[in-house]
Amino acid sequence: MDINRFNFWQTLPTVLETISLSEYVAIDLEMTGISAQSSTRMFGDTETAMYWLAADAARTYQVLQMGLTCLRYDDQLKGYRARTFTYYITPEFIPPNTNLAKLIDRKVVLSYRSFLFLKENNFSFEKAFSQGVPYLSRSECELARRLYISRQQTASSNSPVLDTWMRKFQNDTRLDISSWLENRPKSVSIEI
């Protein structure tokens, strides 16, 4: 099942129920890169080294797609049933939140080798950016929470902070109300 920003919340109960009934869950990530050059030279081939390589890649590159495959044993089949959920992930803030983007300046790093691999395997970069599910990391969530709280405090002190879209909406609404007040009928009678 393909999951994107438009059906994420509708499909979430199904995904959570499937995970809870599964015996195994496999996770696969498609990223903009898989290893940082500095990590390859610093670590060897031990399990610890592989962990640090993966951690460094996770800090350097972005996830563009996540696959969850849930496995459950079926007695009638005498084998496992698999159910796969595929998520496109976007580093973009939805809707375009300029305040959040100014606070959290994400850098999208793309390894050319990974780009070629994804392209050869028909990965849709367009879908990742146009339909991907947005996310915040834990640290980004904390920054956003602080931004929201400071905006709430500012708004409660009668000095609202409005982004461009909100300011345009507010101005357009004022103009519409003013126009209506100027052009409304002078006397209104209602017959019941």
N, C-alpha and C. Protein backbone atom coordinates (compact mmCIF):
# COMPACT_ATOMS: atom_id res chain seq x y z
N MET A 1 0.85 -1.17 0.00
CA MET A 1 0.00 0.00 0.00
C MET A 1 0.90 1.24 0.00
N ASP A 2 0.67 2.12 -0.96
CA ASP A 2 1.43 3.36 -1.03
C ASP A 2 0.80 4.39 -0.10
N ILE A 3 1.63 5.01 0.71
CA ILE A 3 1.15 6.01 1.67
C ILE A 3 1.86 7.32 1.38
N ASN A 4 1.08 8.40 1.33
CA ASN A 4 1.64 9.71 1.04
C ASN A 4 1.01 10.74 1.98
N ARG A 5 1.34 12.01 1.76
CA ARG A 5 0.84 13.06 2.67
C ARG A 5 -0.68 13.20 2.61
N PHE A 6 -1.30 12.74 1.52
CA PHE A 6 -2.74 12.90 1.36
C PHE A 6 -3.55 11.79 2.04
N ASN A 7 -2.94 10.61 2.24
CA ASN A 7 -3.70 9.53 2.87
C ASN A 7 -3.05 9.03 4.17
N PHE A 8 -2.04 9.72 4.65
CA PHE A 8 -1.29 9.27 5.82
C PHE A 8 -2.19 9.03 7.03
N TRP A 9 -2.99 10.03 7.40
CA TRP A 9 -3.80 9.90 8.62
C TRP A 9 -4.91 8.87 8.46
N GLN A 10 -5.45 8.72 7.25
CA GLN A 10 -6.51 7.72 7.03
C GLN A 10 -5.95 6.30 7.11
N THR A 11 -4.71 6.09 6.70
CA THR A 11 -4.13 4.75 6.69
C THR A 11 -3.42 4.39 7.99
N LEU A 12 -3.14 5.37 8.83
CA LEU A 12 -2.38 5.12 10.06
C LEU A 12 -3.00 4.03 10.95
N PRO A 13 -4.33 4.03 11.20
CA PRO A 13 -4.89 2.94 12.04
C PRO A 13 -4.64 1.55 11.46
N THR A 14 -4.74 1.41 10.14
CA THR A 14 -4.49 0.11 9.50
C THR A 14 -3.03 -0.30 9.68
N VAL A 15 -2.12 0.64 9.49
CA VAL A 15 -0.69 0.35 9.63
C VAL A 15 -0.38 -0.07 11.06
N LEU A 16 -0.88 0.69 12.04
CA LEU A 16 -0.61 0.37 13.44
C LEU A 16 -1.19 -0.99 13.84
N GLU A 17 -2.39 -1.28 13.37
CA GLU A 17 -3.00 -2.58 13.68
C GLU A 17 -2.19 -3.72 13.05
N THR A 18 -1.77 -3.54 11.80
CA THR A 18 -0.97 -4.56 11.12
C THR A 18 0.35 -4.80 11.84
N ILE A 19 1.00 -3.73 12.27
CA ILE A 19 2.25 -3.87 13.03
C ILE A 19 2.00 -4.61 14.33
N SER A 20 0.93 -4.26 15.03
CA SER A 20 0.67 -4.88 16.34
C SER A 20 0.36 -6.37 16.22
N LEU A 21 -0.15 -6.82 15.08
CA LEU A 21 -0.48 -8.23 14.89
C LEU A 21 0.65 -9.02 14.23
N SER A 22 1.74 -8.34 13.90
CA SER A 22 2.85 -8.97 13.18
C SER A 22 3.81 -9.68 14.13
N GLU A 23 4.44 -10.70 13.59
CA GLU A 23 5.50 -11.39 14.32
C GLU A 23 6.86 -10.77 14.00
N TYR A 24 6.98 -10.25 12.78
CA TYR A 24 8.21 -9.60 12.36
C TYR A 24 7.84 -8.34 11.57
N VAL A 25 8.67 -7.33 11.70
CA VAL A 25 8.51 -6.12 10.89
C VAL A 25 9.88 -5.78 10.32
N ALA A 26 9.94 -5.66 8.99
CA ALA A 26 11.18 -5.28 8.31
C ALA A 26 11.05 -3.84 7.82
N ILE A 27 12.13 -3.10 7.96
CA ILE A 27 12.15 -1.70 7.52
C ILE A 27 13.23 -1.55 6.47
N ASP A 28 12.87 -0.89 5.36
CA ASP A 28 13.81 -0.62 4.28
C ASP A 28 13.76 0.87 3.99
N LEU A 29 14.91 1.50 3.85
CA LEU A 29 14.98 2.93 3.58
C LEU A 29 15.66 3.19 2.24
N GLU A 30 15.10 4.12 1.49
CA GLU A 30 15.79 4.65 0.31
C GLU A 30 16.25 6.04 0.71
N MET A 31 17.55 6.26 0.64
CA MET A 31 18.13 7.51 1.10
C MET A 31 18.87 8.22 -0.02
N THR A 32 19.20 9.49 0.20
CA THR A 32 19.94 10.26 -0.79
C THR A 32 21.42 9.91 -0.78
N GLY A 33 21.82 8.99 0.08
CA GLY A 33 23.20 8.51 0.15
C GLY A 33 23.26 7.41 1.20
N ILE A 34 24.34 6.62 1.17
CA ILE A 34 24.42 5.54 2.16
C ILE A 34 25.69 5.54 3.00
N SER A 35 26.71 6.25 2.57
CA SER A 35 27.90 6.30 3.42
C SER A 35 28.65 7.59 3.19
N ALA A 36 29.15 8.12 4.27
CA ALA A 36 29.96 9.33 4.18
C ALA A 36 31.41 8.92 4.00
N GLN A 37 32.13 9.59 3.14
CA GLN A 37 33.52 9.23 2.87
C GLN A 37 34.38 9.24 4.13
N SER A 38 34.17 10.22 5.00
CA SER A 38 35.00 10.31 6.21
C SER A 38 34.80 9.09 7.11
N SER A 39 33.58 8.57 7.18
CA SER A 39 33.30 7.42 8.03
C SER A 39 33.97 6.17 7.50
N THR A 40 33.99 6.00 6.18
CA THR A 40 34.57 4.81 5.58
C THR A 40 36.05 4.69 5.97
N ARG A 41 36.76 5.80 5.99
CA ARG A 41 38.18 5.77 6.32
C ARG A 41 38.41 5.61 7.83
N MET A 42 37.51 6.14 8.65
CA MET A 42 37.72 6.15 10.10
C MET A 42 37.45 4.79 10.76
N PHE A 43 36.53 4.01 10.21
CA PHE A 43 36.11 2.77 10.86
C PHE A 43 36.45 1.56 10.00
N GLY A 44 36.51 0.41 10.63
CA GLY A 44 36.78 -0.83 9.90
C GLY A 44 35.50 -1.54 9.51
N ASP A 45 35.53 -2.90 9.51
CA ASP A 45 34.37 -3.70 9.12
C ASP A 45 33.71 -4.41 10.31
N THR A 46 33.89 -3.94 11.51
CA THR A 46 33.27 -4.58 12.67
C THR A 46 31.81 -4.14 12.79
N GLU A 47 31.05 -4.82 13.65
CA GLU A 47 29.65 -4.42 13.87
C GLU A 47 29.56 -2.99 14.39
N THR A 48 30.47 -2.64 15.27
CA THR A 48 30.49 -1.28 15.80
C THR A 48 30.77 -0.28 14.68
N ALA A 49 31.70 -0.63 13.84
CA ALA A 49 32.03 0.24 12.71
C ALA A 49 30.83 0.41 11.78
N MET A 50 30.12 -0.69 11.52
CA MET A 50 28.93 -0.61 10.66
C MET A 50 27.86 0.27 11.28
N TYR A 51 27.71 0.19 12.60
CA TYR A 51 26.74 1.06 13.29
C TYR A 51 27.12 2.53 13.07
N TRP A 52 28.39 2.87 13.28
CA TRP A 52 28.82 4.26 13.15
C TRP A 52 28.72 4.74 11.71
N LEU A 53 28.95 3.86 10.75
CA LEU A 53 28.76 4.21 9.34
C LEU A 53 27.29 4.55 9.07
N ALA A 54 26.40 3.69 9.57
CA ALA A 54 24.97 3.92 9.37
C ALA A 54 24.51 5.20 10.08
N ALA A 55 25.02 5.42 11.29
CA ALA A 55 24.65 6.63 12.04
C ALA A 55 25.12 7.88 11.32
N ASP A 56 26.33 7.83 10.78
CA ASP A 56 26.87 8.97 10.06
C ASP A 56 26.06 9.24 8.79
N ALA A 57 25.69 8.18 8.09
CA ALA A 57 24.85 8.33 6.89
C ALA A 57 23.49 8.92 7.25
N ALA A 58 22.91 8.48 8.36
CA ALA A 58 21.61 8.99 8.79
C ALA A 58 21.67 10.48 9.12
N ARG A 59 22.82 10.93 9.64
CA ARG A 59 22.99 12.36 9.94
C ARG A 59 23.27 13.17 8.68
N THR A 60 23.84 12.55 7.67
CA THR A 60 24.28 13.26 6.47
C THR A 60 23.21 13.29 5.38
N TYR A 61 22.52 12.18 5.19
CA TYR A 61 21.60 12.04 4.06
C TYR A 61 20.14 12.01 4.54
N GLN A 62 19.23 12.21 3.58
CA GLN A 62 17.81 12.22 3.89
C GLN A 62 17.16 10.91 3.43
N VAL A 63 16.14 10.53 4.18
CA VAL A 63 15.31 9.40 3.79
C VAL A 63 14.28 9.94 2.81
N LEU A 64 14.15 9.30 1.64
CA LEU A 64 13.16 9.71 0.66
C LEU A 64 12.01 8.72 0.56
N GLN A 65 12.25 7.49 1.02
CA GLN A 65 11.19 6.48 1.00
C GLN A 65 11.45 5.47 2.09
N MET A 66 10.37 5.04 2.75
CA MET A 66 10.49 4.02 3.79
C MET A 66 9.49 2.91 3.47
N GLY A 67 9.98 1.70 3.52
CA GLY A 67 9.12 0.54 3.34
C GLY A 67 9.00 -0.21 4.65
N LEU A 68 7.78 -0.56 5.02
CA LEU A 68 7.51 -1.39 6.20
C LEU A 68 6.86 -2.67 5.71
N THR A 69 7.47 -3.80 5.97
CA THR A 69 6.85 -5.07 5.62
C THR A 69 6.55 -5.83 6.91
N CYS A 70 5.29 -6.13 7.10
CA CYS A 70 4.83 -6.81 8.31
C CYS A 70 4.55 -8.27 7.96
N LEU A 71 5.12 -9.19 8.76
CA LEU A 71 4.98 -10.62 8.52
C LEU A 71 4.22 -11.28 9.65
N ARG A 72 3.28 -12.13 9.27
CA ARG A 72 2.48 -12.86 10.26
C ARG A 72 2.28 -14.29 9.75
N TYR A 73 2.50 -15.25 10.65
CA TYR A 73 2.38 -16.65 10.26
C TYR A 73 0.91 -17.00 10.05
N ASP A 74 0.64 -17.72 8.94
CA ASP A 74 -0.72 -18.15 8.62
C ASP A 74 -0.75 -19.67 8.68
N ASP A 75 -1.51 -20.21 9.62
CA ASP A 75 -1.56 -21.67 9.81
C ASP A 75 -2.11 -22.39 8.57
N GLN A 76 -3.10 -21.79 7.91
CA GLN A 76 -3.67 -22.44 6.72
C GLN A 76 -2.65 -22.51 5.59
N LEU A 77 -1.89 -21.46 5.41
CA LEU A 77 -0.86 -21.45 4.36
C LEU A 77 0.38 -22.23 4.77
N LYS A 78 0.54 -22.41 6.08
CA LYS A 78 1.76 -22.98 6.64
C LYS A 78 2.97 -22.17 6.18
N GLY A 79 2.78 -20.84 6.26
CA GLY A 79 3.83 -19.91 5.86
C GLY A 79 3.45 -18.51 6.31
N TYR A 80 4.28 -17.58 5.97
CA TYR A 80 4.06 -16.19 6.39
C TYR A 80 3.30 -15.40 5.34
N ARG A 81 2.43 -14.53 5.80
CA ARG A 81 1.77 -13.53 4.97
C ARG A 81 2.51 -12.22 5.18
N ALA A 82 2.70 -11.53 4.10
CA ALA A 82 3.41 -10.24 4.18
C ALA A 82 2.47 -9.12 3.73
N ARG A 83 2.56 -8.01 4.42
CA ARG A 83 1.83 -6.80 4.03
C ARG A 83 2.84 -5.66 4.06
N THR A 84 2.97 -4.97 2.93
CA THR A 84 3.97 -3.92 2.80
C THR A 84 3.31 -2.55 2.67
N PHE A 85 3.88 -1.59 3.38
CA PHE A 85 3.45 -0.20 3.33
C PHE A 85 4.65 0.61 2.84
N THR A 86 4.45 1.41 1.81
CA THR A 86 5.53 2.22 1.24
C THR A 86 5.21 3.69 1.43
N TYR A 87 6.13 4.39 2.10
CA TYR A 87 5.96 5.82 2.38
C TYR A 87 6.98 6.63 1.60
N TYR A 88 6.51 7.62 0.84
CA TYR A 88 7.43 8.63 0.33
C TYR A 88 7.61 9.64 1.45
N ILE A 89 8.83 10.09 1.67
CA ILE A 89 9.16 11.02 2.75
C ILE A 89 9.74 12.28 2.11
N THR A 90 9.34 13.45 2.59
CA THR A 90 9.89 14.68 2.04
C THR A 90 10.56 15.53 3.12
N PRO A 91 11.69 16.15 2.79
CA PRO A 91 12.32 17.05 3.75
C PRO A 91 11.64 18.43 3.76
N GLU A 92 10.64 18.60 2.91
CA GLU A 92 9.94 19.87 2.78
C GLU A 92 8.95 20.06 3.93
N PHE A 93 8.72 21.30 4.32
CA PHE A 93 7.72 21.59 5.34
C PHE A 93 6.39 21.85 4.65
N ILE A 94 5.35 21.18 5.11
CA ILE A 94 4.03 21.29 4.48
C ILE A 94 3.05 21.84 5.49
N PRO A 95 2.26 22.86 5.17
CA PRO A 95 2.39 23.73 4.01
C PRO A 95 3.70 24.50 4.12
N PRO A 96 4.14 25.12 3.02
CA PRO A 96 5.42 25.83 3.11
C PRO A 96 5.43 26.80 4.29
N ASN A 97 6.13 26.42 5.34
CA ASN A 97 6.15 27.21 6.57
C ASN A 97 7.46 27.99 6.60
N THR A 98 7.38 29.26 6.27
CA THR A 98 8.60 30.06 6.16
C THR A 98 9.26 30.25 7.51
N ASN A 99 8.47 30.40 8.57
CA ASN A 99 9.08 30.57 9.89
C ASN A 99 9.85 29.32 10.30
N LEU A 100 9.27 28.16 10.07
CA LEU A 100 9.94 26.91 10.41
C LEU A 100 11.17 26.69 9.52
N ALA A 101 11.04 27.01 8.24
CA ALA A 101 12.17 26.85 7.32
C ALA A 101 13.32 27.79 7.69
N LYS A 102 13.00 28.98 8.19
CA LYS A 102 14.06 29.90 8.63
C LYS A 102 14.74 29.38 9.88
N LEU A 103 13.97 28.74 10.75
CA LEU A 103 14.50 28.21 12.00
C LEU A 103 15.31 26.93 11.76
N ILE A 104 14.79 26.07 10.90
CA ILE A 104 15.43 24.78 10.62
C ILE A 104 15.86 24.78 9.16
N ASP A 105 17.12 25.06 8.91
CA ASP A 105 17.64 25.13 7.56
C ASP A 105 18.14 23.75 7.15
N ARG A 106 17.25 22.96 6.56
CA ARG A 106 17.63 21.62 6.13
C ARG A 106 18.50 21.68 4.88
N LYS A 107 19.51 20.88 4.89
CA LYS A 107 20.35 20.75 3.71
C LYS A 107 20.08 19.38 3.11
N VAL A 108 19.71 19.37 1.85
CA VAL A 108 19.43 18.11 1.17
C VAL A 108 20.70 17.72 0.42
N VAL A 109 21.35 16.66 0.90
CA VAL A 109 22.61 16.17 0.34
C VAL A 109 22.31 14.94 -0.49
N LEU A 110 22.83 14.91 -1.71
CA LEU A 110 22.56 13.80 -2.62
C LEU A 110 23.87 13.22 -3.13
N SER A 111 24.06 11.93 -2.86
CA SER A 111 25.21 11.21 -3.38
C SER A 111 24.92 10.86 -4.83
N TYR A 112 25.87 11.11 -5.71
CA TYR A 112 25.66 10.82 -7.12
C TYR A 112 25.46 9.32 -7.34
N ARG A 113 26.21 8.49 -6.64
CA ARG A 113 26.03 7.03 -6.77
C ARG A 113 24.63 6.61 -6.36
N SER A 114 24.13 7.18 -5.26
CA SER A 114 22.76 6.86 -4.83
C SER A 114 21.73 7.37 -5.83
N PHE A 115 21.97 8.57 -6.37
CA PHE A 115 21.09 9.12 -7.39
C PHE A 115 20.98 8.16 -8.57
N LEU A 116 22.13 7.66 -9.06
CA LEU A 116 22.13 6.73 -10.20
C LEU A 116 21.38 5.45 -9.85
N PHE A 117 21.64 4.91 -8.64
CA PHE A 117 20.95 3.68 -8.22
C PHE A 117 19.44 3.90 -8.19
N LEU A 118 19.00 4.98 -7.56
CA LEU A 118 17.56 5.25 -7.46
C LEU A 118 16.95 5.47 -8.85
N LYS A 119 17.65 6.19 -9.70
CA LYS A 119 17.17 6.45 -11.06
C LYS A 119 17.05 5.15 -11.85
N GLU A 120 18.07 4.28 -11.75
CA GLU A 120 18.05 3.00 -12.46
C GLU A 120 16.93 2.10 -11.97
N ASN A 121 16.50 2.29 -10.72
CA ASN A 121 15.43 1.47 -10.15
C ASN A 121 14.09 2.20 -10.15
N ASN A 122 13.97 3.19 -11.04
CA ASN A 122 12.71 3.92 -11.27
C ASN A 122 12.15 4.62 -10.05
N PHE A 123 13.03 5.08 -9.18
CA PHE A 123 12.56 5.85 -8.03
C PHE A 123 12.04 7.20 -8.51
N SER A 124 10.89 7.62 -7.97
CA SER A 124 10.29 8.89 -8.38
C SER A 124 10.65 10.00 -7.40
N PHE A 125 11.65 10.79 -7.76
CA PHE A 125 12.02 11.93 -6.94
C PHE A 125 10.86 12.92 -6.88
N GLU A 126 10.14 13.06 -7.98
CA GLU A 126 9.00 13.97 -8.04
C GLU A 126 7.95 13.59 -7.01
N LYS A 127 7.64 12.29 -6.91
CA LYS A 127 6.66 11.83 -5.91
C LYS A 127 7.14 12.11 -4.49
N ALA A 128 8.43 11.92 -4.26
CA ALA A 128 8.96 12.15 -2.91
C ALA A 128 8.72 13.59 -2.48
N PHE A 129 8.91 14.54 -3.40
CA PHE A 129 8.75 15.94 -3.04
C PHE A 129 7.31 16.44 -3.17
N SER A 130 6.53 15.90 -4.09
CA SER A 130 5.17 16.41 -4.27
C SER A 130 4.14 15.67 -3.42
N GLN A 131 4.43 14.41 -3.04
CA GLN A 131 3.46 13.63 -2.28
C GLN A 131 4.02 13.10 -0.97
N GLY A 132 5.30 13.35 -0.70
CA GLY A 132 5.94 12.79 0.48
C GLY A 132 5.34 13.25 1.79
N VAL A 133 5.45 12.40 2.78
CA VAL A 133 4.98 12.71 4.13
C VAL A 133 6.05 13.57 4.80
N PRO A 134 5.68 14.75 5.30
CA PRO A 134 6.67 15.60 5.98
C PRO A 134 6.98 15.04 7.36
N TYR A 135 8.11 15.44 7.91
CA TYR A 135 8.52 14.94 9.21
C TYR A 135 9.29 16.02 9.96
N LEU A 136 9.43 15.82 11.24
CA LEU A 136 10.35 16.60 12.06
C LEU A 136 11.15 15.62 12.89
N SER A 137 12.45 15.84 13.00
CA SER A 137 13.26 15.02 13.90
C SER A 137 12.94 15.44 15.33
N ARG A 138 13.45 14.72 16.30
CA ARG A 138 13.20 15.09 17.70
C ARG A 138 13.71 16.50 18.00
N SER A 139 14.93 16.80 17.53
CA SER A 139 15.48 18.13 17.81
C SER A 139 14.71 19.21 17.06
N GLU A 140 14.27 18.92 15.83
CA GLU A 140 13.46 19.88 15.08
C GLU A 140 12.10 20.09 15.74
N CYS A 141 11.54 19.03 16.28
CA CYS A 141 10.27 19.12 16.98
C CYS A 141 10.39 20.03 18.19
N GLU A 142 11.48 19.90 18.92
CA GLU A 142 11.70 20.76 20.09
C GLU A 142 11.85 22.22 19.67
N LEU A 143 12.58 22.48 18.59
CA LEU A 143 12.70 23.85 18.07
C LEU A 143 11.34 24.40 17.65
N ALA A 144 10.56 23.57 16.94
CA ALA A 144 9.24 24.00 16.50
C ALA A 144 8.33 24.28 17.69
N ARG A 145 8.42 23.44 18.71
CA ARG A 145 7.61 23.65 19.91
C ARG A 145 7.97 24.98 20.58
N ARG A 146 9.27 25.27 20.67
CA ARG A 146 9.69 26.55 21.26
C ARG A 146 9.21 27.72 20.41
N LEU A 147 9.28 27.58 19.08
CA LEU A 147 8.79 28.63 18.18
C LEU A 147 7.29 28.85 18.40
N TYR A 148 6.54 27.76 18.47
CA TYR A 148 5.09 27.85 18.67
C TYR A 148 4.77 28.53 20.00
N ILE A 149 5.44 28.11 21.06
CA ILE A 149 5.20 28.70 22.38
C ILE A 149 5.53 30.18 22.38
N SER A 150 6.65 30.56 21.75
CA SER A 150 7.01 31.98 21.72
C SER A 150 6.00 32.77 20.90
N ARG A 151 5.46 32.16 19.83
CA ARG A 151 4.43 32.83 19.02
C ARG A 151 3.15 32.98 19.83
N GLN A 152 2.80 31.96 20.62
CA GLN A 152 1.60 32.04 21.45
C GLN A 152 1.75 33.14 22.49
N GLN A 153 2.92 33.22 23.11
CA GLN A 153 3.16 34.25 24.11
C GLN A 153 3.11 35.63 23.48
N THR A 154 3.69 35.76 22.29
CA THR A 154 3.66 37.04 21.59
C THR A 154 2.23 37.41 21.22
N ALA A 155 1.46 36.43 20.74
CA ALA A 155 0.08 36.69 20.36
C ALA A 155 -0.77 37.07 21.57
N SER A 156 -0.51 36.45 22.70
CA SER A 156 -1.30 36.76 23.90
C SER A 156 -0.96 38.14 24.46
N SER A 157 0.16 38.71 24.04
CA SER A 157 0.52 40.05 24.51
C SER A 157 0.03 41.11 23.51
N ASN A 158 -1.00 40.74 22.70
CA ASN A 158 -1.63 41.64 21.73
C ASN A 158 -0.68 42.14 20.66
N SER A 159 0.34 41.39 20.35
CA SER A 159 1.26 41.75 19.28
C SER A 159 1.48 40.52 18.40
N PRO A 160 0.45 40.18 17.59
CA PRO A 160 0.53 38.92 16.84
C PRO A 160 1.64 38.93 15.80
N VAL A 161 2.29 37.77 15.68
CA VAL A 161 3.31 37.57 14.66
C VAL A 161 2.64 36.76 13.55
N LEU A 162 2.54 37.35 12.37
CA LEU A 162 1.86 36.68 11.27
C LEU A 162 2.82 36.39 10.13
N ASP A 163 2.72 35.20 9.57
CA ASP A 163 3.54 34.94 8.40
C ASP A 163 2.86 35.57 7.18
N THR A 164 3.48 35.52 6.04
CA THR A 164 3.00 36.22 4.85
C THR A 164 1.60 35.79 4.46
N TRP A 165 1.33 34.49 4.45
CA TRP A 165 0.02 33.99 4.06
C TRP A 165 -1.05 34.49 5.01
N MET A 166 -0.79 34.42 6.31
CA MET A 166 -1.78 34.87 7.30
C MET A 166 -2.03 36.38 7.17
N ARG A 167 -0.98 37.14 6.93
CA ARG A 167 -1.13 38.58 6.78
C ARG A 167 -1.98 38.91 5.55
N LYS A 168 -1.75 38.20 4.44
CA LYS A 168 -2.55 38.40 3.23
C LYS A 168 -4.00 38.03 3.49
N PHE A 169 -4.24 36.92 4.15
CA PHE A 169 -5.60 36.50 4.47
C PHE A 169 -6.30 37.56 5.34
N GLN A 170 -5.60 38.04 6.34
CA GLN A 170 -6.16 39.05 7.23
C GLN A 170 -6.50 40.34 6.45
N ASN A 171 -5.59 40.81 5.60
CA ASN A 171 -5.84 42.02 4.82
C ASN A 171 -6.99 41.84 3.84
N ASP A 172 -7.03 40.69 3.14
CA ASP A 172 -8.11 40.42 2.20
C ASP A 172 -9.46 40.37 2.91
N THR A 173 -9.49 39.76 4.07
CA THR A 173 -10.74 39.67 4.84
C THR A 173 -11.21 41.06 5.28
N ARG A 174 -10.28 41.88 5.75
CA ARG A 174 -10.65 43.26 6.13
C ARG A 174 -11.22 44.02 4.94
N LEU A 175 -10.60 43.89 3.77
CA LEU A 175 -11.09 44.57 2.56
C LEU A 175 -12.49 44.07 2.19
N ASP A 176 -12.71 42.76 2.27
CA ASP A 176 -14.03 42.20 1.95
C ASP A 176 -15.09 42.73 2.90
N ILE A 177 -14.79 42.77 4.17
CA ILE A 177 -15.76 43.27 5.17
C ILE A 177 -16.03 44.75 4.95
N SER A 178 -14.98 45.54 4.72
CA SER A 178 -15.15 46.97 4.47
C SER A 178 -16.00 47.20 3.22
N SER A 179 -15.74 46.47 2.17
CA SER A 179 -16.52 46.59 0.94
C SER A 179 -17.97 46.23 1.18
N TRP A 180 -18.20 45.17 1.92
CA TRP A 180 -19.58 44.76 2.23
C TRP A 180 -20.28 45.84 3.04
N LEU A 181 -19.61 46.41 4.04
CA LEU A 181 -20.22 47.44 4.87
C LEU A 181 -20.57 48.69 4.05
N GLU A 182 -19.72 49.04 3.09
CA GLU A 182 -19.98 50.21 2.25
C GLU A 182 -21.10 49.97 1.26
N ASN A 183 -21.26 48.76 0.79
CA ASN A 183 -22.23 48.47 -0.28
C ASN A 183 -23.47 47.74 0.19
N ARG A 184 -23.64 47.55 1.47
CA ARG A 184 -24.81 46.81 1.96
C ARG A 184 -26.06 47.68 1.79
N PRO A 185 -27.22 47.04 1.70
CA PRO A 185 -28.46 47.81 1.61
C PRO A 185 -28.67 48.66 2.87
N LYS A 186 -29.21 49.86 2.69
CA LYS A 186 -29.41 50.77 3.81
C LYS A 186 -30.48 50.27 4.78
N SER A 187 -31.53 49.67 4.24
CA SER A 187 -32.56 49.13 5.13
C SER A 187 -32.80 47.67 4.75
N VAL A 188 -32.91 46.92 5.74
CA VAL A 188 -33.13 45.49 5.53
C VAL A 188 -34.41 45.13 6.27
N SER A 189 -35.32 44.50 5.55
CA SER A 189 -36.54 44.03 6.21
C SER A 189 -36.65 42.53 5.99
N ILE A 190 -37.04 41.87 7.00
CA ILE A 190 -37.18 40.42 6.92
C ILE A 190 -38.64 40.10 7.20
N GLU A 191 -39.28 39.40 6.28
CA GLU A 191 -40.66 38.98 6.48
C GLU A 191 -40.68 37.54 6.93
N ILE A 192 -41.46 37.32 7.99
CA ILE A 192 -41.53 35.97 8.53
C ILE A 192 -42.94 35.45 8.36
